[in-house]
mmCIF file of all heavy atoms, coordinates in Angstrom:
data_MODEL
# 
_entry.id   MODEL 
# 
loop_
_atom_site.group_PDB 
_atom_site.id 
_atom_site.type_symbol 
_atom_site.label_atom_id 
_atom_site.label_alt_id 
_atom_site.label_comp_id 
_atom_site.label_asym_id 
_atom_site.label_entity_id 
_atom_site.label_seq_id 
_atom_site.pdbx_PDB_ins_code 
_atom_site.Cartn_x 
_atom_site.Cartn_y 
_atom_site.Cartn_z 
_atom_site.occupancy 
_atom_site.B_iso_or_equiv 
_atom_site.pdbx_formal_charge 
_atom_site.auth_seq_id 
_atom_site.auth_comp_id 
_atom_site.auth_asym_id 
_atom_site.auth_atom_id 
_atom_site.pdbx_PDB_model_num 
ATOM 1   N N   . THR A 1 1  ? -5.025 2.297   -10.993 1.00 0.00 ? 1  THR A N   1 
ATOM 2   C CA  . THR A 1 1  ? -4.791 3.602   -10.377 1.00 0.00 ? 1  THR A CA  1 
ATOM 3   C C   . THR A 1 1  ? -3.541 3.616   -9.524  1.00 0.00 ? 1  THR A C   1 
ATOM 4   O O   . THR A 1 1  ? -3.179 4.661   -8.972  1.00 0.00 ? 1  THR A O   1 
ATOM 5   C CB  . THR A 1 1  ? -5.981 3.996   -9.480  1.00 0.00 ? 1  THR A CB  1 
ATOM 6   O OG1 . THR A 1 1  ? -6.078 3.071   -8.364  1.00 0.00 ? 1  THR A OG1 1 
ATOM 7   C CG2 . THR A 1 1  ? -7.291 3.956   -10.251 1.00 0.00 ? 1  THR A CG2 1 
ATOM 8   N N   . LEU A 1 2  ? -2.851 2.461   -9.423  1.00 0.00 ? 2  LEU A N   1 
ATOM 9   C CA  . LEU A 1 2  ? -1.714 2.351   -8.510  1.00 0.00 ? 2  LEU A CA  1 
ATOM 10  C C   . LEU A 1 2  ? -0.373 2.258   -9.232  1.00 0.00 ? 2  LEU A C   1 
ATOM 11  O O   . LEU A 1 2  ? 0.660  2.101   -8.580  1.00 0.00 ? 2  LEU A O   1 
ATOM 12  C CB  . LEU A 1 2  ? -1.884 1.117   -7.601  1.00 0.00 ? 2  LEU A CB  1 
ATOM 13  C CG  . LEU A 1 2  ? -3.143 1.105   -6.743  1.00 0.00 ? 2  LEU A CG  1 
ATOM 14  C CD1 . LEU A 1 2  ? -3.266 -0.224  -6.001  1.00 0.00 ? 2  LEU A CD1 1 
ATOM 15  C CD2 . LEU A 1 2  ? -3.142 2.266   -5.750  1.00 0.00 ? 2  LEU A CD2 1 
ATOM 16  N N   . ASP A 1 3  ? -0.382 2.322   -10.545 1.00 0.00 ? 3  ASP A N   1 
ATOM 17  C CA  . ASP A 1 3  ? 0.865  2.182   -11.305 1.00 0.00 ? 3  ASP A CA  1 
ATOM 18  C C   . ASP A 1 3  ? 1.865  3.261   -10.885 1.00 0.00 ? 3  ASP A C   1 
ATOM 19  O O   . ASP A 1 3  ? 1.515  4.439   -10.766 1.00 0.00 ? 3  ASP A O   1 
ATOM 20  C CB  . ASP A 1 3  ? 0.595  2.310   -12.804 1.00 0.00 ? 3  ASP A CB  1 
ATOM 21  C CG  . ASP A 1 3  ? -0.241 1.151   -13.329 1.00 0.00 ? 3  ASP A CG  1 
ATOM 22  O OD1 . ASP A 1 3  ? -0.413 0.170   -12.580 1.00 0.00 ? 3  ASP A OD1 1 
ATOM 23  O OD2 . ASP A 1 3  ? -0.727 1.241   -14.481 1.00 0.00 ? 3  ASP A OD2 1 
ATOM 24  N N   . GLY A 1 4  ? 3.098  2.839   -10.671 1.00 0.00 ? 4  GLY A N   1 
ATOM 25  C CA  . GLY A 1 4  ? 4.165  3.779   -10.332 1.00 0.00 ? 4  GLY A CA  1 
ATOM 26  C C   . GLY A 1 4  ? 4.271  4.120   -8.863  1.00 0.00 ? 4  GLY A C   1 
ATOM 27  O O   . GLY A 1 4  ? 5.203  4.826   -8.462  1.00 0.00 ? 4  GLY A O   1 
ATOM 28  N N   . LEU A 1 5  ? 3.335  3.640   -8.049  1.00 0.00 ? 5  LEU A N   1 
ATOM 29  C CA  . LEU A 1 5  ? 3.375  3.950   -6.616  1.00 0.00 ? 5  LEU A CA  1 
ATOM 30  C C   . LEU A 1 5  ? 4.226  2.933   -5.861  1.00 0.00 ? 5  LEU A C   1 
ATOM 31  O O   . LEU A 1 5  ? 4.305  1.762   -6.257  1.00 0.00 ? 5  LEU A O   1 
ATOM 32  C CB  . LEU A 1 5  ? 1.963  3.959   -6.021  1.00 0.00 ? 5  LEU A CB  1 
ATOM 33  C CG  . LEU A 1 5  ? 0.963  4.966   -6.591  1.00 0.00 ? 5  LEU A CG  1 
ATOM 34  C CD1 . LEU A 1 5  ? -0.342 4.906   -5.821  1.00 0.00 ? 5  LEU A CD1 1 
ATOM 35  C CD2 . LEU A 1 5  ? 1.527  6.383   -6.558  1.00 0.00 ? 5  LEU A CD2 1 
ATOM 36  N N   . SER A 1 6  ? 4.868  3.375   -4.799  1.00 0.00 ? 6  SER A N   1 
ATOM 37  C CA  . SER A 1 6  ? 5.606  2.444   -3.955  1.00 0.00 ? 6  SER A CA  1 
ATOM 38  C C   . SER A 1 6  ? 4.629  1.617   -3.139  1.00 0.00 ? 6  SER A C   1 
ATOM 39  O O   . SER A 1 6  ? 3.436  1.919   -3.060  1.00 0.00 ? 6  SER A O   1 
ATOM 40  C CB  . SER A 1 6  ? 6.524  3.224   -3.010  1.00 0.00 ? 6  SER A CB  1 
ATOM 41  O OG  . SER A 1 6  ? 5.756  3.947   -2.055  1.00 0.00 ? 6  SER A OG  1 
ATOM 42  N N   . ASP A 1 7  ? 5.125  0.548   -2.512  1.00 0.00 ? 7  ASP A N   1 
ATOM 43  C CA  . ASP A 1 7  ? 4.266  -0.277  -1.670  1.00 0.00 ? 7  ASP A CA  1 
ATOM 44  C C   . ASP A 1 7  ? 3.635  0.545   -0.552  1.00 0.00 ? 7  ASP A C   1 
ATOM 45  O O   . ASP A 1 7  ? 2.454  0.368   -0.228  1.00 0.00 ? 7  ASP A O   1 
ATOM 46  C CB  . ASP A 1 7  ? 5.061  -1.439  -1.082  1.00 0.00 ? 7  ASP A CB  1 
ATOM 47  C CG  . ASP A 1 7  ? 5.439  -2.486  -2.120  1.00 0.00 ? 7  ASP A CG  1 
ATOM 48  O OD1 . ASP A 1 7  ? 4.975  -2.362  -3.276  1.00 0.00 ? 7  ASP A OD1 1 
ATOM 49  O OD2 . ASP A 1 7  ? 6.210  -3.408  -1.791  1.00 0.00 ? 7  ASP A OD2 1 
ATOM 50  N N   . ALA A 1 8  ? 4.421  1.427   0.038   1.00 0.00 ? 8  ALA A N   1 
ATOM 51  C CA  . ALA A 1 8  ? 3.893  2.259   1.126   1.00 0.00 ? 8  ALA A CA  1 
ATOM 52  C C   . ALA A 1 8  ? 2.782  3.180   0.627   1.00 0.00 ? 8  ALA A C   1 
ATOM 53  O O   . ALA A 1 8  ? 1.772  3.375   1.307   1.00 0.00 ? 8  ALA A O   1 
ATOM 54  C CB  . ALA A 1 8  ? 5.029  3.080   1.750   1.00 0.00 ? 8  ALA A CB  1 
ATOM 55  N N   . GLU A 1 9  ? 2.962  3.728   -0.577  1.00 0.00 ? 9  GLU A N   1 
ATOM 56  C CA  . GLU A 1 9  ? 1.936  4.588   -1.145  1.00 0.00 ? 9  GLU A CA  1 
ATOM 57  C C   . GLU A 1 9  ? 0.668  3.814   -1.503  1.00 0.00 ? 9  GLU A C   1 
ATOM 58  O O   . GLU A 1 9  ? -0.449 4.323   -1.373  1.00 0.00 ? 9  GLU A O   1 
ATOM 59  C CB  . GLU A 1 9  ? 2.488  5.308   -2.393  1.00 0.00 ? 9  GLU A CB  1 
ATOM 60  C CG  . GLU A 1 9  ? 3.552  6.347   -2.066  1.00 0.00 ? 9  GLU A CG  1 
ATOM 61  C CD  . GLU A 1 9  ? 4.260  6.870   -3.298  1.00 0.00 ? 9  GLU A CD  1 
ATOM 62  O OE1 . GLU A 1 9  ? 4.361  6.111   -4.299  1.00 0.00 ? 9  GLU A OE1 1 
ATOM 63  O OE2 . GLU A 1 9  ? 4.707  8.028   -3.294  1.00 0.00 ? 9  GLU A OE2 1 
ATOM 64  N N   . VAL A 1 10 ? 0.856  2.557   -1.928  1.00 0.00 ? 10 VAL A N   1 
ATOM 65  C CA  . VAL A 1 10 ? -0.307 1.710   -2.199  1.00 0.00 ? 10 VAL A CA  1 
ATOM 66  C C   . VAL A 1 10 ? -1.113 1.498   -0.924  1.00 0.00 ? 10 VAL A C   1 
ATOM 67  O O   . VAL A 1 10 ? -2.344 1.605   -0.928  1.00 0.00 ? 10 VAL A O   1 
ATOM 68  C CB  . VAL A 1 10 ? 0.133  0.353   -2.779  1.00 0.00 ? 10 VAL A CB  1 
ATOM 69  C CG1 . VAL A 1 10 ? -1.046 -0.632  -2.802  1.00 0.00 ? 10 VAL A CG1 1 
ATOM 70  C CG2 . VAL A 1 10 ? 0.671  0.530   -4.199  1.00 0.00 ? 10 VAL A CG2 1 
ATOM 71  N N   . MET A 1 11 ? -0.426 1.219   0.178   1.00 0.00 ? 11 MET A N   1 
ATOM 72  C CA  . MET A 1 11 ? -1.134 0.991   1.434   1.00 0.00 ? 11 MET A CA  1 
ATOM 73  C C   . MET A 1 11 ? -1.834 2.271   1.900   1.00 0.00 ? 11 MET A C   1 
ATOM 74  O O   . MET A 1 11 ? -2.898 2.215   2.518   1.00 0.00 ? 11 MET A O   1 
ATOM 75  C CB  . MET A 1 11 ? -0.173 0.477   2.498   1.00 0.00 ? 11 MET A CB  1 
ATOM 76  C CG  . MET A 1 11 ? 0.452  -0.880  2.174   1.00 0.00 ? 11 MET A CG  1 
ATOM 77  S SD  . MET A 1 11 ? -0.762 -2.153  1.760   1.00 0.00 ? 11 MET A SD  1 
ATOM 78  C CE  . MET A 1 11 ? -1.490 -2.445  3.383   1.00 0.00 ? 11 MET A CE  1 
ATOM 79  N N   . ASP A 1 12 ? -1.245 3.423   1.611   1.00 0.00 ? 12 ASP A N   1 
ATOM 80  C CA  . ASP A 1 12 ? -1.924 4.694   1.887   1.00 0.00 ? 12 ASP A CA  1 
ATOM 81  C C   . ASP A 1 12 ? -3.242 4.774   1.133   1.00 0.00 ? 12 ASP A C   1 
ATOM 82  O O   . ASP A 1 12 ? -4.282 5.154   1.689   1.00 0.00 ? 12 ASP A O   1 
ATOM 83  C CB  . ASP A 1 12 ? -1.038 5.889   1.483   1.00 0.00 ? 12 ASP A CB  1 
ATOM 84  C CG  . ASP A 1 12 ? 0.132  6.086   2.437   1.00 0.00 ? 12 ASP A CG  1 
ATOM 85  O OD1 . ASP A 1 12 ? 0.064  5.553   3.564   1.00 0.00 ? 12 ASP A OD1 1 
ATOM 86  O OD2 . ASP A 1 12 ? 1.092  6.786   2.049   1.00 0.00 ? 12 ASP A OD2 1 
ATOM 87  N N   . LYS A 1 13 ? -3.203 4.407   -0.157  1.00 0.00 ? 13 LYS A N   1 
ATOM 88  C CA  . LYS A 1 13 ? -4.413 4.450   -0.977  1.00 0.00 ? 13 LYS A CA  1 
ATOM 89  C C   . LYS A 1 13 ? -5.481 3.488   -0.468  1.00 0.00 ? 13 LYS A C   1 
ATOM 90  O O   . LYS A 1 13 ? -6.680 3.746   -0.608  1.00 0.00 ? 13 LYS A O   1 
ATOM 91  C CB  . LYS A 1 13 ? -4.071 4.100   -2.434  1.00 0.00 ? 13 LYS A CB  1 
ATOM 92  C CG  . LYS A 1 13 ? -3.228 5.138   -3.149  1.00 0.00 ? 13 LYS A CG  1 
ATOM 93  C CD  . LYS A 1 13 ? -4.057 6.343   -3.554  1.00 0.00 ? 13 LYS A CD  1 
ATOM 94  C CE  . LYS A 1 13 ? -3.276 7.296   -4.442  1.00 0.00 ? 13 LYS A CE  1 
ATOM 95  N NZ  . LYS A 1 13 ? -4.079 8.481   -4.832  1.00 0.00 ? 13 LYS A NZ  1 
ATOM 96  N N   . LEU A 1 14 ? -5.039 2.381   0.115   1.00 0.00 ? 14 LEU A N   1 
ATOM 97  C CA  . LEU A 1 14 ? -5.980 1.394   0.627   1.00 0.00 ? 14 LEU A CA  1 
ATOM 98  C C   . LEU A 1 14 ? -6.544 1.781   1.986   1.00 0.00 ? 14 LEU A C   1 
ATOM 99  O O   . LEU A 1 14 ? -7.431 1.092   2.511   1.00 0.00 ? 14 LEU A O   1 
ATOM 100 C CB  . LEU A 1 14 ? -5.300 0.023   0.742   1.00 0.00 ? 14 LEU A CB  1 
ATOM 101 C CG  . LEU A 1 14 ? -4.796 -0.609  -0.566  1.00 0.00 ? 14 LEU A CG  1 
ATOM 102 C CD1 . LEU A 1 14 ? -4.198 -1.983  -0.300  1.00 0.00 ? 14 LEU A CD1 1 
ATOM 103 C CD2 . LEU A 1 14 ? -5.920 -0.723  -1.569  1.00 0.00 ? 14 LEU A CD2 1 
ATOM 104 N N   . GLY A 1 15 ? -5.985 2.835   2.566   1.00 0.00 ? 15 GLY A N   1 
ATOM 105 C CA  . GLY A 1 15 ? -6.465 3.274   3.888   1.00 0.00 ? 15 GLY A CA  1 
ATOM 106 C C   . GLY A 1 15 ? -5.775 2.590   5.027   1.00 0.00 ? 15 GLY A C   1 
ATOM 107 O O   . GLY A 1 15 ? -6.291 2.587   6.155   1.00 0.00 ? 15 GLY A O   1 
ATOM 108 N N   . HIS A 1 16 ? -4.579 2.030   4.793   1.00 0.00 ? 16 HIS A N   1 
ATOM 109 C CA  . HIS A 1 16 ? -3.843 1.322   5.843   1.00 0.00 ? 16 HIS A CA  1 
ATOM 110 C C   . HIS A 1 16 ? -2.411 1.874   5.900   1.00 0.00 ? 16 HIS A C   1 
ATOM 111 O O   . HIS A 1 16 ? -1.439 1.132   5.746   1.00 0.00 ? 16 HIS A O   1 
ATOM 112 C CB  . HIS A 1 16 ? -3.831 -0.189  5.583   1.00 0.00 ? 16 HIS A CB  1 
ATOM 113 C CG  . HIS A 1 16 ? -5.214 -0.771  5.494   1.00 0.00 ? 16 HIS A CG  1 
ATOM 114 N ND1 . HIS A 1 16 ? -6.028 -0.915  6.594   1.00 0.00 ? 16 HIS A ND1 1 
ATOM 115 C CD2 . HIS A 1 16 ? -5.931 -1.237  4.435   1.00 0.00 ? 16 HIS A CD2 1 
ATOM 116 C CE1 . HIS A 1 16 ? -7.188 -1.450  6.227   1.00 0.00 ? 16 HIS A CE1 1 
ATOM 117 N NE2 . HIS A 1 16 ? -7.147 -1.652  4.930   1.00 0.00 ? 16 HIS A NE2 1 
ATOM 118 N N   . THR A 1 17 ? -2.320 3.138   6.153   1.00 0.00 ? 17 THR A N   1 
ATOM 119 C CA  . THR A 1 17 ? -1.025 3.807   6.219   1.00 0.00 ? 17 THR A CA  1 
ATOM 120 C C   . THR A 1 17 ? -0.140 3.165   7.299   1.00 0.00 ? 17 THR A C   1 
ATOM 121 O O   . THR A 1 17 ? -0.602 2.934   8.424   1.00 0.00 ? 17 THR A O   1 
ATOM 122 C CB  . THR A 1 17 ? -1.215 5.296   6.522   1.00 0.00 ? 17 THR A CB  1 
ATOM 123 O OG1 . THR A 1 17 ? -2.017 5.885   5.490   1.00 0.00 ? 17 THR A OG1 1 
ATOM 124 C CG2 . THR A 1 17 ? 0.118  6.016   6.604   1.00 0.00 ? 17 THR A CG2 1 
ATOM 125 N N   . GLY A 1 18 ? 1.117  2.907   6.928   1.00 0.00 ? 18 GLY A N   1 
ATOM 126 C CA  . GLY A 1 18 ? 2.070  2.364   7.884   1.00 0.00 ? 18 GLY A CA  1 
ATOM 127 C C   . GLY A 1 18 ? 2.049  0.860   8.015   1.00 0.00 ? 18 GLY A C   1 
ATOM 128 O O   . GLY A 1 18 ? 2.898  0.284   8.702   1.00 0.00 ? 18 GLY A O   1 
ATOM 129 N N   . VAL A 1 19 ? 1.113  0.179   7.339   1.00 0.00 ? 19 VAL A N   1 
ATOM 130 C CA  . VAL A 1 19 ? 1.033  -1.272  7.403   1.00 0.00 ? 19 VAL A CA  1 
ATOM 131 C C   . VAL A 1 19 ? 1.933  -1.865  6.316   1.00 0.00 ? 19 VAL A C   1 
ATOM 132 O O   . VAL A 1 19 ? 1.848  -1.485  5.156   1.00 0.00 ? 19 VAL A O   1 
ATOM 133 C CB  . VAL A 1 19 ? -0.414 -1.768  7.217   1.00 0.00 ? 19 VAL A CB  1 
ATOM 134 C CG1 . VAL A 1 19 ? -0.458 -3.300  7.151   1.00 0.00 ? 19 VAL A CG1 1 
ATOM 135 C CG2 . VAL A 1 19 ? -1.295 -1.245  8.337   1.00 0.00 ? 19 VAL A CG2 1 
ATOM 136 N N   . PHE A 1 20 ? 2.808  -2.806  6.706   1.00 0.00 ? 20 PHE A N   1 
ATOM 137 C CA  . PHE A 1 20 ? 3.650  -3.474  5.734   1.00 0.00 ? 20 PHE A CA  1 
ATOM 138 C C   . PHE A 1 20 ? 2.789  -4.465  4.942   1.00 0.00 ? 20 PHE A C   1 
ATOM 139 O O   . PHE A 1 20 ? 2.064  -5.266  5.522   1.00 0.00 ? 20 PHE A O   1 
ATOM 140 C CB  . PHE A 1 20 ? 4.793  -4.191  6.447   1.00 0.00 ? 20 PHE A CB  1 
ATOM 141 C CG  . PHE A 1 20 ? 5.801  -4.797  5.509   1.00 0.00 ? 20 PHE A CG  1 
ATOM 142 C CD1 . PHE A 1 20 ? 6.504  -4.003  4.618   1.00 0.00 ? 20 PHE A CD1 1 
ATOM 143 C CD2 . PHE A 1 20 ? 6.032  -6.165  5.505   1.00 0.00 ? 20 PHE A CD2 1 
ATOM 144 C CE1 . PHE A 1 20 ? 7.437  -4.564  3.760   1.00 0.00 ? 20 PHE A CE1 1 
ATOM 145 C CE2 . PHE A 1 20 ? 6.966  -6.734  4.649   1.00 0.00 ? 20 PHE A CE2 1 
ATOM 146 C CZ  . PHE A 1 20 ? 7.658  -5.921  3.788   1.00 0.00 ? 20 PHE A CZ  1 
ATOM 147 N N   . PRO A 1 21 ? 2.827  -4.424  3.606   1.00 0.00 ? 21 PRO A N   1 
ATOM 148 C CA  . PRO A 1 21 ? 1.840  -5.170  2.809   1.00 0.00 ? 21 PRO A CA  1 
ATOM 149 C C   . PRO A 1 21 ? 2.045  -6.672  2.729   1.00 0.00 ? 21 PRO A C   1 
ATOM 150 O O   . PRO A 1 21 ? 1.097  -7.400  2.433   1.00 0.00 ? 21 PRO A O   1 
ATOM 151 C CB  . PRO A 1 21 ? 1.973  -4.533  1.431   1.00 0.00 ? 21 PRO A CB  1 
ATOM 152 C CG  . PRO A 1 21 ? 3.386  -4.042  1.361   1.00 0.00 ? 21 PRO A CG  1 
ATOM 153 C CD  . PRO A 1 21 ? 3.694  -3.578  2.765   1.00 0.00 ? 21 PRO A CD  1 
ATOM 154 N N   . GLU A 1 22 ? 3.257  -7.145  2.974   1.00 0.00 ? 22 GLU A N   1 
ATOM 155 C CA  . GLU A 1 22 ? 3.512  -8.560  2.753   1.00 0.00 ? 22 GLU A CA  1 
ATOM 156 C C   . GLU A 1 22 ? 2.616  -9.437  3.625   1.00 0.00 ? 22 GLU A C   1 
ATOM 157 O O   . GLU A 1 22 ? 2.505  -9.251  4.833   1.00 0.00 ? 22 GLU A O   1 
ATOM 158 C CB  . GLU A 1 22 ? 4.977  -8.891  3.051   1.00 0.00 ? 22 GLU A CB  1 
ATOM 159 C CG  . GLU A 1 22 ? 5.451  -10.171 2.409   1.00 0.00 ? 22 GLU A CG  1 
ATOM 160 C CD  . GLU A 1 22 ? 5.498  -10.035 0.882   1.00 0.00 ? 22 GLU A CD  1 
ATOM 161 O OE1 . GLU A 1 22 ? 6.501  -9.525  0.374   1.00 0.00 ? 22 GLU A OE1 1 
ATOM 162 O OE2 . GLU A 1 22 ? 4.512  -10.441 0.231   1.00 0.00 ? 22 GLU A OE2 1 
ATOM 163 N N   . GLY A 1 23 ? 1.950  -10.390 2.986   1.00 0.00 ? 23 GLY A N   1 
ATOM 164 C CA  . GLY A 1 23 ? 1.120  -11.345 3.711   1.00 0.00 ? 23 GLY A CA  1 
ATOM 165 C C   . GLY A 1 23 ? -0.217 -10.806 4.178   1.00 0.00 ? 23 GLY A C   1 
ATOM 166 O O   . GLY A 1 23 ? -0.964 -11.529 4.844   1.00 0.00 ? 23 GLY A O   1 
ATOM 167 N N   . ARG A 1 24 ? -0.561 -9.568  3.830   1.00 0.00 ? 24 ARG A N   1 
ATOM 168 C CA  . ARG A 1 24 ? -1.787 -8.958  4.353   1.00 0.00 ? 24 ARG A CA  1 
ATOM 169 C C   . ARG A 1 24 ? -2.988 -9.113  3.413   1.00 0.00 ? 24 ARG A C   1 
ATOM 170 O O   . ARG A 1 24 ? -4.039 -8.509  3.652   1.00 0.00 ? 24 ARG A O   1 
ATOM 171 C CB  . ARG A 1 24 ? -1.546 -7.473  4.643   1.00 0.00 ? 24 ARG A CB  1 
ATOM 172 C CG  . ARG A 1 24 ? -0.477 -7.193  5.675   1.00 0.00 ? 24 ARG A CG  1 
ATOM 173 C CD  . ARG A 1 24 ? -0.695 -7.937  6.981   1.00 0.00 ? 24 ARG A CD  1 
ATOM 174 N NE  . ARG A 1 24 ? -1.931 -7.585  7.634   1.00 0.00 ? 24 ARG A NE  1 
ATOM 175 C CZ  . ARG A 1 24 ? -2.012 -6.807  8.703   1.00 0.00 ? 24 ARG A CZ  1 
ATOM 176 N NH1 . ARG A 1 24 ? -0.911 -6.322  9.247   1.00 0.00 ? 24 ARG A NH1 1 
ATOM 177 N NH2 . ARG A 1 24 ? -3.179 -6.549  9.248   1.00 0.00 ? 24 ARG A NH2 1 
ATOM 178 N N   . PHE A 1 25 ? -2.862 -9.909  2.376   1.00 0.00 ? 25 PHE A N   1 
ATOM 179 C CA  . PHE A 1 25 ? -3.948 -10.102 1.415   1.00 0.00 ? 25 PHE A CA  1 
ATOM 180 C C   . PHE A 1 25 ? -4.245 -11.593 1.302   1.00 0.00 ? 25 PHE A C   1 
ATOM 181 O O   . PHE A 1 25 ? -3.347 -12.417 1.322   1.00 0.00 ? 25 PHE A O   1 
ATOM 182 C CB  . PHE A 1 25 ? -3.565 -9.500  0.062   1.00 0.00 ? 25 PHE A CB  1 
ATOM 183 C CG  . PHE A 1 25 ? -3.260 -8.035  0.144   1.00 0.00 ? 25 PHE A CG  1 
ATOM 184 C CD1 . PHE A 1 25 ? -1.964 -7.605  0.430   1.00 0.00 ? 25 PHE A CD1 1 
ATOM 185 C CD2 . PHE A 1 25 ? -4.254 -7.090  -0.024  1.00 0.00 ? 25 PHE A CD2 1 
ATOM 186 C CE1 . PHE A 1 25 ? -1.664 -6.248  0.536   1.00 0.00 ? 25 PHE A CE1 1 
ATOM 187 C CE2 . PHE A 1 25 ? -3.974 -5.737  0.085   1.00 0.00 ? 25 PHE A CE2 1 
ATOM 188 C CZ  . PHE A 1 25 ? -2.674 -5.318  0.365   1.00 0.00 ? 25 PHE A CZ  1 
# 
């Protein structure tokens, strides 16, 4: 469901708006 989304948009979908994704998994 995340194809084509930017990293920021992915984090929005995960419910963590504004969080930089690197190292958070």
